[in-house]
């Protein structure tokens, strides 16, 4: 795992260790996906599976875009955006650790950027 990621996660040691464990499992079991340059969604799905095992009292979802009946999203630009955005200004989390039917805050949100 990238040392920079580990350094950033050290601010919350309990959550950090769960995330680090998940990434290590991914590298140990699914390195092949990296070697063949698999799609980012394939990678995040597998990492999400390992995160679910670590966060067993939460829901772990990939590309989750709902908050009840409203979209769960993050705006990254200054332009007005909506859920039908075709300018890539609206971001749906690659992986989110949360409670689906709850007003609780998101426990963990991860956005991935893959480079070959």
PDB file of N, CA and C in Angstrom:
ATOM      1  N   UNK A   1       0.827  -1.177   0.000  1.00  0.00           N
ATOM      2  CA  UNK A   1       0.000   0.000   0.000  1.00  0.00           C
ATOM      3  C   UNK A   1       0.873   1.243   0.000  1.00  0.00           C
ATOM      4  N   UNK A   2       0.361   2.280  -0.611  1.00  0.00           N
ATOM      5  CA  UNK A   2       1.049   3.545  -0.703  1.00  0.00           C
ATOM      6  C   UNK A   2       1.281   4.126   0.695  1.00  0.00           C
ATOM      7  N   UNK A   3       2.502   4.502   1.002  1.00  0.00           N
ATOM      8  CA  UNK A   3       2.828   5.052   2.322  1.00  0.00           C
ATOM      9  C   UNK A   3       2.071   6.342   2.598  1.00  0.00           C
ATOM     10  N   UNK A   4       1.800   7.119   1.560  1.00  0.00           N
ATOM     11  CA  UNK A   4       1.053   8.365   1.722  1.00  0.00           C
ATOM     12  C   UNK A   4      -0.356   8.081   2.267  1.00  0.00           C
ATOM     13  N   UNK A   5      -1.006   7.039   1.763  1.00  0.00           N
ATOM     14  CA  UNK A   5      -2.340   6.667   2.242  1.00  0.00           C
ATOM     15  C   UNK A   5      -2.271   6.274   3.708  1.00  0.00           C
ATOM     16  N   UNK A   6      -1.306   5.447   4.053  1.00  0.00           N
ATOM     17  CA  UNK A   6      -1.156   5.022   5.452  1.00  0.00           C
ATOM     18  C   UNK A   6      -0.935   6.227   6.367  1.00  0.00           C
ATOM     19  N   UNK A   7      -0.147   7.185   5.932  1.00  0.00           N
ATOM     20  CA  UNK A   7       0.125   8.369   6.743  1.00  0.00           C
ATOM     21  C   UNK A   7      -1.154   9.160   6.982  1.00  0.00           C
ATOM     22  N   UNK A   8      -1.971   9.347   5.955  1.00  0.00           N
ATOM     23  CA  UNK A   8      -3.215  10.106   6.084  1.00  0.00           C
ATOM     24  C   UNK A   8      -4.212   9.410   7.016  1.00  0.00           C
ATOM     25  N   UNK A   9      -4.213   8.100   7.016  1.00  0.00           N
ATOM     26  CA  UNK A   9      -5.169   7.355   7.824  1.00  0.00           C
ATOM     27  C   UNK A   9      -4.792   7.282   9.297  1.00  0.00           C
ATOM     28  N   UNK A  10      -3.594   7.640   9.629  1.00  0.00           N
ATOM     29  CA  UNK A  10      -3.138   7.520  11.019  1.00  0.00           C
ATOM     30  C   UNK A  10      -3.865   8.457  11.969  1.00  0.00           C
ATOM     31  N   UNK A  11      -4.606   9.443  11.460  1.00  0.00           N
ATOM     32  CA  UNK A  11      -5.354  10.358  12.300  1.00  0.00           C
ATOM     33  C   UNK A  11      -6.465   9.673  13.079  1.00  0.00           C
ATOM     34  N   UNK A  12      -6.964   8.553  12.597  1.00  0.00           N
ATOM     35  CA  UNK A  12      -7.995   7.780  13.282  1.00  0.00           C
ATOM     36  C   UNK A  12      -7.520   6.330  13.285  1.00  0.00           C
ATOM     37  N   UNK A  13      -6.765   5.928  14.296  1.00  0.00           N
ATOM     38  CA  UNK A  13      -6.100   4.629  14.263  1.00  0.00           C
ATOM     39  C   UNK A  13      -7.032   3.425  14.129  1.00  0.00           C
ATOM     40  N   UNK A  14      -8.212   3.472  14.729  1.00  0.00           N
ATOM     41  CA  UNK A  14      -9.110   2.315  14.641  1.00  0.00           C
ATOM     42  C   UNK A  14      -9.626   2.129  13.219  1.00  0.00           C
ATOM     43  N   UNK A  15     -10.147   3.203  12.644  1.00  0.00           N
ATOM     44  CA  UNK A  15     -10.649   3.136  11.267  1.00  0.00           C
ATOM     45  C   UNK A  15      -9.492   2.901  10.318  1.00  0.00           C
ATOM     46  N   UNK A  16      -8.398   3.558  10.571  1.00  0.00           N
ATOM     47  CA  UNK A  16      -7.226   3.408   9.713  1.00  0.00           C
ATOM     48  C   UNK A  16      -6.802   1.955   9.591  1.00  0.00           C
ATOM     49  N   UNK A  17      -6.751   1.265  10.711  1.00  0.00           N
ATOM     50  CA  UNK A  17      -6.297  -0.124  10.683  1.00  0.00           C
ATOM     51  C   UNK A  17      -7.262  -1.007   9.895  1.00  0.00           C
ATOM     52  N   UNK A  18      -8.553  -0.737  10.010  1.00  0.00           N
ATOM     53  CA  UNK A  18      -9.542  -1.517   9.248  1.00  0.00           C
ATOM     54  C   UNK A  18      -9.379  -1.290   7.750  1.00  0.00           C
ATOM     55  N   UNK A  19      -9.144  -0.041   7.369  1.00  0.00           N
ATOM     56  CA  UNK A  19      -8.955   0.280   5.947  1.00  0.00           C
ATOM     57  C   UNK A  19      -7.651  -0.337   5.444  1.00  0.00           C
ATOM     58  N   UNK A  20      -6.602  -0.196   6.207  1.00  0.00           N
ATOM     59  CA  UNK A  20      -5.310  -0.770   5.816  1.00  0.00           C
ATOM     60  C   UNK A  20      -5.421  -2.285   5.684  1.00  0.00           C
ATOM     61  N   UNK A  21      -6.099  -2.932   6.622  1.00  0.00           N
ATOM     62  CA  UNK A  21      -6.308  -4.388   6.530  1.00  0.00           C
ATOM     63  C   UNK A  21      -7.019  -4.755   5.238  1.00  0.00           C
ATOM     64  N   UNK A  22      -8.020  -3.974   4.880  1.00  0.00           N
ATOM     65  CA  UNK A  22      -8.786  -4.252   3.662  1.00  0.00           C
ATOM     66  C   UNK A  22      -7.916  -4.120   2.418  1.00  0.00           C
ATOM     67  N   UNK A  23      -7.106  -3.057   2.359  1.00  0.00           N
ATOM     68  CA  UNK A  23      -6.219  -2.879   1.213  1.00  0.00           C
ATOM     69  C   UNK A  23      -5.175  -3.997   1.141  1.00  0.00           C
ATOM     70  N   UNK A  24      -4.679  -4.399   2.275  1.00  0.00           N
ATOM     71  CA  UNK A  24      -3.690  -5.487   2.275  1.00  0.00           C
ATOM     72  C   UNK A  24      -4.315  -6.793   1.790  1.00  0.00           C
ATOM     73  N   UNK A  25      -5.553  -7.063   2.201  1.00  0.00           N
ATOM     74  CA  UNK A  25      -6.248  -8.257   1.715  1.00  0.00           C
ATOM     75  C   UNK A  25      -6.422  -8.179   0.204  1.00  0.00           C
ATOM     76  N   UNK A  26      -6.804  -7.004  -0.276  1.00  0.00           N
ATOM     77  CA  UNK A  26      -6.984  -6.820  -1.711  1.00  0.00           C
ATOM     78  C   UNK A  26      -5.690  -7.115  -2.464  1.00  0.00           C
ATOM     79  N   UNK A  27      -4.589  -6.546  -1.996  1.00  0.00           N
ATOM     80  CA  UNK A  27      -3.296  -6.766  -2.661  1.00  0.00           C
ATOM     81  C   UNK A  27      -2.924  -8.248  -2.618  1.00  0.00           C
ATOM     82  N   UNK A  28      -3.141  -8.894  -1.474  1.00  0.00           N
ATOM     83  CA  UNK A  28      -2.764 -10.302  -1.331  1.00  0.00           C
ATOM     84  C   UNK A  28      -3.616 -11.211  -2.216  1.00  0.00           C
ATOM     85  N   UNK A  29      -4.900 -10.918  -2.317  1.00  0.00           N
ATOM     86  CA  UNK A  29      -5.816 -11.831  -3.014  1.00  0.00           C
ATOM     87  C   UNK A  29      -6.143 -11.431  -4.444  1.00  0.00           C
ATOM     88  N   UNK A  30      -6.068 -10.143  -4.740  1.00  0.00           N
ATOM     89  CA  UNK A  30      -6.556  -9.673  -6.037  1.00  0.00           C
ATOM     90  C   UNK A  30      -5.534  -8.867  -6.824  1.00  0.00           C
ATOM     91  N   UNK A  31      -4.274  -9.071  -6.545  1.00  0.00           N
ATOM     92  CA  UNK A  31      -3.203  -8.374  -7.266  1.00  0.00           C
ATOM     93  C   UNK A  31      -3.364  -8.527  -8.782  1.00  0.00           C
ATOM     94  N   UNK A  32      -3.881  -9.654  -9.199  1.00  0.00           N
ATOM     95  CA  UNK A  32      -4.079  -9.935 -10.619  1.00  0.00           C
ATOM     96  C   UNK A  32      -4.876  -8.821 -11.301  1.00  0.00           C
ATOM     97  N   UNK A  33      -5.884  -8.282 -10.617  1.00  0.00           N
ATOM     98  CA  UNK A  33      -6.699  -7.223 -11.210  1.00  0.00           C
ATOM     99  C   UNK A  33      -5.864  -5.993 -11.535  1.00  0.00           C
ATOM    100  N   UNK A  34      -4.875  -5.722 -10.713  1.00  0.00           N
ATOM    101  CA  UNK A  34      -3.971  -4.609 -10.989  1.00  0.00           C
ATOM    102  C   UNK A  34      -3.036  -4.944 -12.145  1.00  0.00           C
ATOM    103  N   UNK A  35      -2.565  -6.171 -12.160  1.00  0.00           N
ATOM    104  CA  UNK A  35      -1.623  -6.593 -13.197  1.00  0.00           C
ATOM    105  C   UNK A  35      -2.230  -6.550 -14.590  1.00  0.00           C
ATOM    106  N   UNK A  36      -3.538  -6.825 -14.698  1.00  0.00           N
ATOM    107  CA  UNK A  36      -4.194  -6.832 -16.010  1.00  0.00           C
ATOM    108  C   UNK A  36      -4.900  -5.511 -16.306  1.00  0.00           C
ATOM    109  N   UNK A  37      -4.685  -4.512 -15.422  1.00  0.00           N
ATOM    110  CA  UNK A  37      -5.258  -3.185 -15.625  1.00  0.00           C
ATOM    111  C   UNK A  37      -6.784  -3.224 -15.667  1.00  0.00           C
ATOM    112  N   UNK A  38      -7.385  -3.925 -14.713  1.00  0.00           N
ATOM    113  CA  UNK A  38      -8.840  -4.039 -14.645  1.00  0.00           C
ATOM    114  C   UNK A  38      -9.484  -2.679 -14.401  1.00  0.00           C
ATOM    115  N   UNK A  39     -10.736  -2.579 -14.748  1.00  0.00           N
ATOM    116  CA  UNK A  39     -11.518  -1.367 -14.586  1.00  0.00           C
ATOM    117  C   UNK A  39     -11.569  -0.938 -13.124  1.00  0.00           C
ATOM    118  N   UNK A  40     -11.603   0.368 -12.881  1.00  0.00           N
ATOM    119  CA  UNK A  40     -11.664   0.904 -11.519  1.00  0.00           C
ATOM    120  C   UNK A  40     -12.835   0.320 -10.733  1.00  0.00           C
ATOM    121  N   UNK A  41     -13.970   0.114 -11.376  1.00  0.00           N
ATOM    122  CA  UNK A  41     -15.137  -0.439 -10.680  1.00  0.00           C
ATOM    123  C   UNK A  41     -14.883  -1.866 -10.217  1.00  0.00           C
ATOM    124  N   UNK A  42     -14.137  -2.622 -10.980  1.00  0.00           N
ATOM    125  CA  UNK A  42     -13.784  -3.979 -10.548  1.00  0.00           C
ATOM    126  C   UNK A  42     -12.928  -3.933  -9.291  1.00  0.00           C
ATOM    127  N   UNK A  43     -11.996  -2.994  -9.263  1.00  0.00           N
ATOM    128  CA  UNK A  43     -11.111  -2.854  -8.109  1.00  0.00           C
ATOM    129  C   UNK A  43     -11.893  -2.411  -6.872  1.00  0.00           C
ATOM    130  N   UNK A  44     -12.735  -1.394  -7.028  1.00  0.00           N
ATOM    131  CA  UNK A  44     -13.463  -0.881  -5.874  1.00  0.00           C
ATOM    132  C   UNK A  44     -14.478  -1.887  -5.347  1.00  0.00           C
ATOM    133  N   UNK A  45     -15.039  -2.682  -6.221  1.00  0.00           N
ATOM    134  CA  UNK A  45     -15.952  -3.730  -5.766  1.00  0.00           C
ATOM    135  C   UNK A  45     -15.242  -4.706  -4.832  1.00  0.00           C
ATOM    136  N   UNK A  46     -14.084  -5.168  -5.253  1.00  0.00           N
ATOM    137  CA  UNK A  46     -13.333  -6.124  -4.434  1.00  0.00           C
ATOM    138  C   UNK A  46     -12.883  -5.495  -3.112  1.00  0.00           C
ATOM    139  N   UNK A  47     -12.388  -4.267  -3.165  1.00  0.00           N
ATOM    140  CA  UNK A  47     -11.983  -3.589  -1.930  1.00  0.00           C
ATOM    141  C   UNK A  47     -13.197  -3.403  -1.017  1.00  0.00           C
ATOM    142  N   UNK A  48     -14.341  -3.081  -1.604  1.00  0.00           N
ATOM    143  CA  UNK A  48     -15.571  -2.946  -0.824  1.00  0.00           C
ATOM    144  C   UNK A  48     -15.936  -4.228  -0.096  1.00  0.00           C
ATOM    145  N   UNK A  49     -15.699  -5.360  -0.718  1.00  0.00           N
ATOM    146  CA  UNK A  49     -15.970  -6.647  -0.063  1.00  0.00           C
ATOM    147  C   UNK A  49     -15.096  -6.815   1.180  1.00  0.00           C
ATOM    148  N   UNK A  50     -13.836  -6.450   1.071  1.00  0.00           N
ATOM    149  CA  UNK A  50     -12.939  -6.573   2.216  1.00  0.00           C
ATOM    150  C   UNK A  50     -13.294  -5.560   3.302  1.00  0.00           C
ATOM    151  N   UNK A  51     -13.720  -4.374   2.895  1.00  0.00           N
ATOM    152  CA  UNK A  51     -14.163  -3.382   3.874  1.00  0.00           C
ATOM    153  C   UNK A  51     -15.414  -3.859   4.610  1.00  0.00           C
ATOM    154  N   UNK A  52     -16.333  -4.515   3.898  1.00  0.00           N
ATOM    155  CA  UNK A  52     -17.554  -5.004   4.543  1.00  0.00           C
ATOM    156  C   UNK A  52     -17.229  -5.981   5.658  1.00  0.00           C
ATOM    157  N   UNK A  53     -16.238  -6.811   5.446  1.00  0.00           N
ATOM    158  CA  UNK A  53     -15.830  -7.762   6.488  1.00  0.00           C
ATOM    159  C   UNK A  53     -15.259  -7.036   7.708  1.00  0.00           C
ATOM    160  N   UNK A  54     -14.634  -5.890   7.490  1.00  0.00           N
ATOM    161  CA  UNK A  54     -14.042  -5.124   8.586  1.00  0.00           C
ATOM    162  C   UNK A  54     -15.085  -4.272   9.321  1.00  0.00           C
ATOM    163  N   UNK A  55     -16.040  -3.733   8.573  1.00  0.00           N
ATOM    164  CA  UNK A  55     -17.078  -2.862   9.128  1.00  0.00           C
ATOM    165  C   UNK A  55     -18.409  -3.616   9.141  1.00  0.00           C
ATOM    166  N   UNK A  56     -18.488  -4.667   9.932  1.00  0.00           N
ATOM    167  CA  UNK A  56     -19.638  -5.554   9.873  1.00  0.00           C
ATOM    168  C   UNK A  56     -20.935  -4.956  10.408  1.00  0.00           C
ATOM    169  N   UNK A  57     -20.894  -3.843  11.113  1.00  0.00           N
ATOM    170  CA  UNK A  57     -22.115  -3.206  11.609  1.00  0.00           C
ATOM    171  C   UNK A  57     -22.575  -2.056  10.707  1.00  0.00           C
ATOM    172  N   UNK A  58     -21.953  -1.945   9.553  1.00  0.00           N
ATOM    173  CA  UNK A  58     -22.285  -0.896   8.599  1.00  0.00           C
ATOM    174  C   UNK A  58     -22.608  -1.521   7.251  1.00  0.00           C
ATOM    175  N   UNK A  59     -23.201  -0.717   6.377  1.00  0.00           N
ATOM    176  CA  UNK A  59     -23.384  -1.102   4.983  1.00  0.00           C
ATOM    177  C   UNK A  59     -22.210  -0.527   4.198  1.00  0.00           C
ATOM    178  N   UNK A  60     -21.641  -1.334   3.330  1.00  0.00           N
ATOM    179  CA  UNK A  60     -20.557  -0.876   2.464  1.00  0.00           C
ATOM    180  C   UNK A  60     -21.063  -0.983   1.033  1.00  0.00           C
ATOM    181  N   UNK A  61     -21.142   0.147   0.356  1.00  0.00           N
ATOM    182  CA  UNK A  61     -21.683   0.192  -1.006  1.00  0.00           C
ATOM    183  C   UNK A  61     -20.692   0.851  -1.947  1.00  0.00           C
ATOM    184  N   UNK A  62     -20.723   0.409  -3.203  1.00  0.00           N
ATOM    185  CA  UNK A  62     -19.919   1.009  -4.260  1.00  0.00           C
ATOM    186  C   UNK A  62     -20.830   1.831  -5.161  1.00  0.00           C
ATOM    187  N   UNK A  63     -20.345   2.995  -5.590  1.00  0.00           N
ATOM    188  CA  UNK A  63     -21.087   3.876  -6.498  1.00  0.00           C
ATOM    189  C   UNK A  63     -22.480   4.185  -5.948  1.00  0.00           C
ATOM    190  N   UNK A  64     -22.579   4.379  -4.648  1.00  0.00           N
ATOM    191  CA  UNK A  64     -23.873   4.597  -4.004  1.00  0.00           C
ATOM    192  C   UNK A  64     -24.348   6.015  -4.272  1.00  0.00           C
ATOM    193  N   UNK A  65     -25.592   6.158  -4.723  1.00  0.00           N
ATOM    194  CA  UNK A  65     -26.078   7.488  -5.100  1.00  0.00           C
ATOM    195  C   UNK A  65     -27.422   7.829  -4.475  1.00  0.00           C
ATOM    196  N   UNK A  66     -27.763   7.221  -3.341  1.00  0.00           N
ATOM    197  CA  UNK A  66     -29.056   7.501  -2.729  1.00  0.00           C
ATOM    198  C   UNK A  66     -28.894   7.959  -1.288  1.00  0.00           C
ATOM    199  N   UNK A  67     -29.725   8.862  -0.884  1.00  0.00           N
ATOM    200  CA  UNK A  67     -29.879   9.260   0.509  1.00  0.00           C
ATOM    201  C   UNK A  67     -31.379   9.288   0.726  1.00  0.00           C
ATOM    202  N   UNK A  68     -31.964   8.131   1.015  1.00  0.00           N
ATOM    203  CA  UNK A  68     -33.412   7.999   0.975  1.00  0.00           C
ATOM    204  C   UNK A  68     -33.824   8.080  -0.478  1.00  0.00           C
ATOM    205  N   UNK A  69     -34.679   9.037  -0.784  1.00  0.00           N
ATOM    206  CA  UNK A  69     -35.094   9.216  -2.179  1.00  0.00           C
ATOM    207  C   UNK A  69     -34.264  10.271  -2.886  1.00  0.00           C
ATOM    208  N   UNK A  70     -33.400  10.931  -2.134  1.00  0.00           N
ATOM    209  CA  UNK A  70     -32.552  11.976  -2.705  1.00  0.00           C
ATOM    210  C   UNK A  70     -31.178  11.413  -3.051  1.00  0.00           C
ATOM    211  N   UNK A  71     -30.509  11.986  -4.027  1.00  0.00           N
ATOM    212  CA  UNK A  71     -29.162  11.517  -4.358  1.00  0.00           C
ATOM    213  C   UNK A  71     -28.170  11.826  -3.250  1.00  0.00           C
ATOM    214  N   UNK A  72     -27.245  10.919  -3.020  1.00  0.00           N
ATOM    215  CA  UNK A  72     -26.125  11.152  -2.105  1.00  0.00           C
ATOM    216  C   UNK A  72     -24.954  11.482  -3.003  1.00  0.00           C
ATOM    217  N   UNK A  73     -24.458  12.712  -2.929  1.00  0.00           N
ATOM    218  CA  UNK A  73     -23.476  13.149  -3.899  1.00  0.00           C
ATOM    219  C   UNK A  73     -22.578  14.212  -3.311  1.00  0.00           C
ATOM    220  N   UNK A  74     -21.523  14.499  -4.017  1.00  0.00           N
ATOM    221  CA  UNK A  74     -20.560  15.526  -3.642  1.00  0.00           C
ATOM    222  C   UNK A  74     -20.355  16.403  -4.866  1.00  0.00           C
ATOM    223  N   UNK A  75     -20.444  17.699  -4.692  1.00  0.00           N
ATOM    224  CA  UNK A  75     -20.237  18.624  -5.812  1.00  0.00           C
ATOM    225  C   UNK A  75     -18.792  19.103  -5.795  1.00  0.00           C
ATOM    226  N   UNK A  76     -18.127  19.017  -6.939  1.00  0.00           N
ATOM    227  CA  UNK A  76     -16.712  19.363  -6.991  1.00  0.00           C
ATOM    228  C   UNK A  76     -16.420  20.594  -7.831  1.00  0.00           C
ATOM    229  N   UNK A  77     -17.434  21.172  -8.407  1.00  0.00           N
ATOM    230  CA  UNK A  77     -17.200  22.338  -9.250  1.00  0.00           C
ATOM    231  C   UNK A  77     -18.017  23.520  -8.791  1.00  0.00           C
ATOM    232  N   UNK A  78     -17.881  24.597  -9.508  1.00  0.00           N
ATOM    233  CA  UNK A  78     -18.631  25.797  -9.169  1.00  0.00           C
ATOM    234  C   UNK A  78     -19.871  25.929 -10.034  1.00  0.00           C
ATOM    235  N   UNK A  79     -19.937  25.145 -11.109  1.00  0.00           N
ATOM    236  CA  UNK A  79     -21.112  25.184 -11.965  1.00  0.00           C
ATOM    237  C   UNK A  79     -22.279  24.520 -11.252  1.00  0.00           C
ATOM    238  N   UNK A  80     -23.472  24.925 -11.629  1.00  0.00           N
ATOM    239  CA  UNK A  80     -24.647  24.259 -11.076  1.00  0.00           C
ATOM    240  C   UNK A  80     -24.700  22.838 -11.649  1.00  0.00           C
ATOM    241  N   UNK A  81     -24.886  21.851 -10.779  1.00  0.00           N
ATOM    242  CA  UNK A  81     -24.883  20.459 -11.216  1.00  0.00           C
ATOM    243  C   UNK A  81     -26.149  19.778 -10.749  1.00  0.00           C
ATOM    244  N   UNK A  82     -26.407  18.632 -11.331  1.00  0.00           N
ATOM    245  CA  UNK A  82     -27.540  17.829 -10.890  1.00  0.00           C
ATOM    246  C   UNK A  82     -27.222  16.366 -11.154  1.00  0.00           C
ATOM    247  N   UNK A  83     -28.157  15.490 -10.796  1.00  0.00           N
ATOM    248  CA  UNK A  83     -27.910  14.054 -10.930  1.00  0.00           C
ATOM    249  C   UNK A  83     -27.832  13.599 -12.371  1.00  0.00           C
ATOM    250  N   UNK A  84     -28.241  14.443 -13.313  1.00  0.00           N
ATOM    251  CA  UNK A  84     -28.149  14.104 -14.729  1.00  0.00           C
ATOM    252  C   UNK A  84     -26.929  14.752 -15.375  1.00  0.00           C
ATOM    253  N   UNK A  85     -26.025  15.210 -14.544  1.00  0.00           N
ATOM    254  CA  UNK A  85     -24.813  15.899 -14.960  1.00  0.00           C
ATOM    255  C   UNK A  85     -24.035  15.070 -15.970  1.00  0.00           C
ATOM    256  N   UNK A  86     -23.733  15.667 -17.112  1.00  0.00           N
ATOM    257  CA  UNK A  86     -22.906  14.971 -18.097  1.00  0.00           C
ATOM    258  C   UNK A  86     -21.564  15.667 -18.285  1.00  0.00           C
ATOM    259  N   UNK A  87     -21.240  16.606 -17.386  1.00  0.00           N
ATOM    260  CA  UNK A  87     -19.955  17.291 -17.435  1.00  0.00           C
ATOM    261  C   UNK A  87     -18.995  16.784 -16.370  1.00  0.00           C
ATOM    262  N   UNK A  88     -19.338  15.678 -15.708  1.00  0.00           N
ATOM    263  CA  UNK A  88     -18.497  15.049 -14.693  1.00  0.00           C
ATOM    264  C   UNK A  88     -18.197  15.975 -13.519  1.00  0.00           C
ATOM    265  N   UNK A  89     -19.175  16.773 -13.126  1.00  0.00           N
ATOM    266  CA  UNK A  89     -19.004  17.655 -11.980  1.00  0.00           C
ATOM    267  C   UNK A  89     -19.616  17.049 -10.716  1.00  0.00           C
ATOM    268  N   UNK A  90     -20.499  16.088 -10.851  1.00  0.00           N
ATOM    269  CA  UNK A  90     -21.114  15.434  -9.705  1.00  0.00           C
ATOM    270  C   UNK A  90     -20.397  14.125  -9.464  1.00  0.00           C
ATOM    271  N   UNK A  91     -20.023  13.868  -8.217  1.00  0.00           N
ATOM    272  CA  UNK A  91     -19.264  12.669  -7.883  1.00  0.00           C
ATOM    273  C   UNK A  91     -20.094  11.803  -6.953  1.00  0.00           C
ATOM    274  N   UNK A  92     -20.231  10.549  -7.290  1.00  0.00           N
ATOM    275  CA  UNK A  92     -20.834   9.578  -6.395  1.00  0.00           C
ATOM    276  C   UNK A  92     -19.679   8.790  -5.786  1.00  0.00           C
ATOM    277  N   UNK A  93     -19.721   8.552  -4.496  1.00  0.00           N
ATOM    278  CA  UNK A  93     -18.578   7.891  -3.855  1.00  0.00           C
ATOM    279  C   UNK A  93     -18.310   6.511  -4.450  1.00  0.00           C
ATOM    280  N   UNK A  94     -17.034   6.222  -4.701  1.00  0.00           N
ATOM    281  CA  UNK A  94     -16.663   4.892  -5.179  1.00  0.00           C
ATOM    282  C   UNK A  94     -17.010   3.848  -4.121  1.00  0.00           C
ATOM    283  N   UNK A  95     -16.672   4.133  -2.874  1.00  0.00           N
ATOM    284  CA  UNK A  95     -17.039   3.249  -1.761  1.00  0.00           C
ATOM    285  C   UNK A  95     -17.506   4.129  -0.613  1.00  0.00           C
ATOM    286  N   UNK A  96     -18.600   3.719  -0.008  1.00  0.00           N
ATOM    287  CA  UNK A  96     -19.115   4.439   1.151  1.00  0.00           C
ATOM    288  C   UNK A  96     -19.443   3.437   2.248  1.00  0.00           C
ATOM    289  N   UNK A  97     -19.030   3.745   3.465  1.00  0.00           N
ATOM    290  CA  UNK A  97     -19.342   2.939   4.644  1.00  0.00           C
ATOM    291  C   UNK A  97     -20.333   3.778   5.453  1.00  0.00           C
ATOM    292  N   UNK A  98     -21.548   3.270   5.611  1.00  0.00           N
ATOM    293  CA  UNK A  98     -22.623   4.062   6.201  1.00  0.00           C
ATOM    294  C   UNK A  98     -23.755   3.152   6.669  1.00  0.00           C
ATOM    295  N   UNK A  99     -24.819   3.749   7.128  1.00  0.00           N
ATOM    296  CA  UNK A  99     -26.081   3.045   7.367  1.00  0.00           C
ATOM    297  C   UNK A  99     -27.046   3.545   6.302  1.00  0.00           C
ATOM    298  N   UNK A 100     -27.570   2.645   5.484  1.00  0.00           N
ATOM    299  CA  UNK A 100     -28.395   3.044   4.349  1.00  0.00           C
ATOM    300  C   UNK A 100     -29.647   3.809   4.759  1.00  0.00           C
ATOM    301  N   UNK A 101     -30.388   3.297   5.696  1.00  0.00           N
ATOM    302  CA  UNK A 101     -31.659   3.924   6.075  1.00  0.00           C
ATOM    303  C   UNK A 101     -31.473   4.583   7.434  1.00  0.00           C
ATOM    304  N   UNK A 102     -30.869   5.754   7.416  1.00  0.00           N
ATOM    305  CA  UNK A 102     -30.531   6.411   8.669  1.00  0.00           C
ATOM    306  C   UNK A 102     -30.159   7.854   8.396  1.00  0.00           C
ATOM    307  N   UNK A 103     -30.279   8.673   9.415  1.00  0.00           N
ATOM    308  CA  UNK A 103     -29.804  10.049   9.323  1.00  0.00           C
ATOM    309  C   UNK A 103     -28.385  10.186   9.848  1.00  0.00           C
ATOM    310  N   UNK A 104     -27.754   9.048  10.169  1.00  0.00           N
ATOM    311  CA  UNK A 104     -26.367   9.073  10.637  1.00  0.00           C
ATOM    312  C   UNK A 104     -25.464   9.621   9.543  1.00  0.00           C
ATOM    313  N   UNK A 105     -24.364  10.182   9.978  1.00  0.00           N
ATOM    314  CA  UNK A 105     -23.354  10.640   9.029  1.00  0.00           C
ATOM    315  C   UNK A 105     -22.700   9.443   8.350  1.00  0.00           C
ATOM    316  N   UNK A 106     -22.123   9.681   7.193  1.00  0.00           N
ATOM    317  CA  UNK A 106     -21.328   8.653   6.534  1.00  0.00           C
ATOM    318  C   UNK A 106     -20.108   8.390   7.402  1.00  0.00           C
ATOM    319  N   UNK A 107     -19.793   7.141   7.625  1.00  0.00           N
ATOM    320  CA  UNK A 107     -18.649   6.789   8.453  1.00  0.00           C
ATOM    321  C   UNK A 107     -17.349   6.947   7.678  1.00  0.00           C
ATOM    322  N   UNK A 108     -17.387   6.536   6.410  1.00  0.00           N
ATOM    323  CA  UNK A 108     -16.176   6.589   5.602  1.00  0.00           C
ATOM    324  C   UNK A 108     -16.585   6.700   4.146  1.00  0.00           C
ATOM    325  N   UNK A 109     -15.961   7.605   3.409  1.00  0.00           N
ATOM    326  CA  UNK A 109     -16.198   7.764   1.974  1.00  0.00           C
ATOM    327  C   UNK A 109     -14.844   7.716   1.288  1.00  0.00           C
ATOM    328  N   UNK A 110     -14.742   6.872   0.265  1.00  0.00           N
ATOM    329  CA  UNK A 110     -13.464   6.722  -0.445  1.00  0.00           C
ATOM    330  C   UNK A 110     -13.701   6.978  -1.930  1.00  0.00           C
ATOM    331  N   UNK A 111     -12.919   7.863  -2.487  1.00  0.00           N
ATOM    332  CA  UNK A 111     -12.920   8.138  -3.913  1.00  0.00           C
ATOM    333  C   UNK A 111     -11.601   7.646  -4.474  1.00  0.00           C
ATOM    334  N   UNK A 112     -11.654   6.791  -5.470  1.00  0.00           N
ATOM    335  CA  UNK A 112     -10.458   6.214  -6.068  1.00  0.00           C
ATOM    336  C   UNK A 112     -10.157   6.882  -7.402  1.00  0.00           C
ATOM    337  N   UNK A 113      -8.899   7.014  -7.695  1.00  0.00           N
ATOM    338  CA  UNK A 113      -8.427   7.425  -9.016  1.00  0.00           C
ATOM    339  C   UNK A 113      -7.364   6.429  -9.417  1.00  0.00           C
ATOM    340  N   UNK A 114      -7.632   5.740 -10.482  1.00  0.00           N
ATOM    341  CA  UNK A 114      -6.738   4.675 -10.933  1.00  0.00           C
ATOM    342  C   UNK A 114      -5.748   5.226 -11.949  1.00  0.00           C
ATOM    343  N   UNK A 115      -4.509   4.813 -11.816  1.00  0.00           N
ATOM    344  CA  UNK A 115      -3.519   5.100 -12.855  1.00  0.00           C
ATOM    345  C   UNK A 115      -2.894   3.757 -13.225  1.00  0.00           C
ATOM    346  N   UNK A 116      -2.576   3.604 -14.477  1.00  0.00           N
ATOM    347  CA  UNK A 116      -2.115   2.287 -14.914  1.00  0.00           C
ATOM    348  C   UNK A 116      -0.698   2.071 -14.546  1.00  0.00           C
TER     349      UNK A 116
END
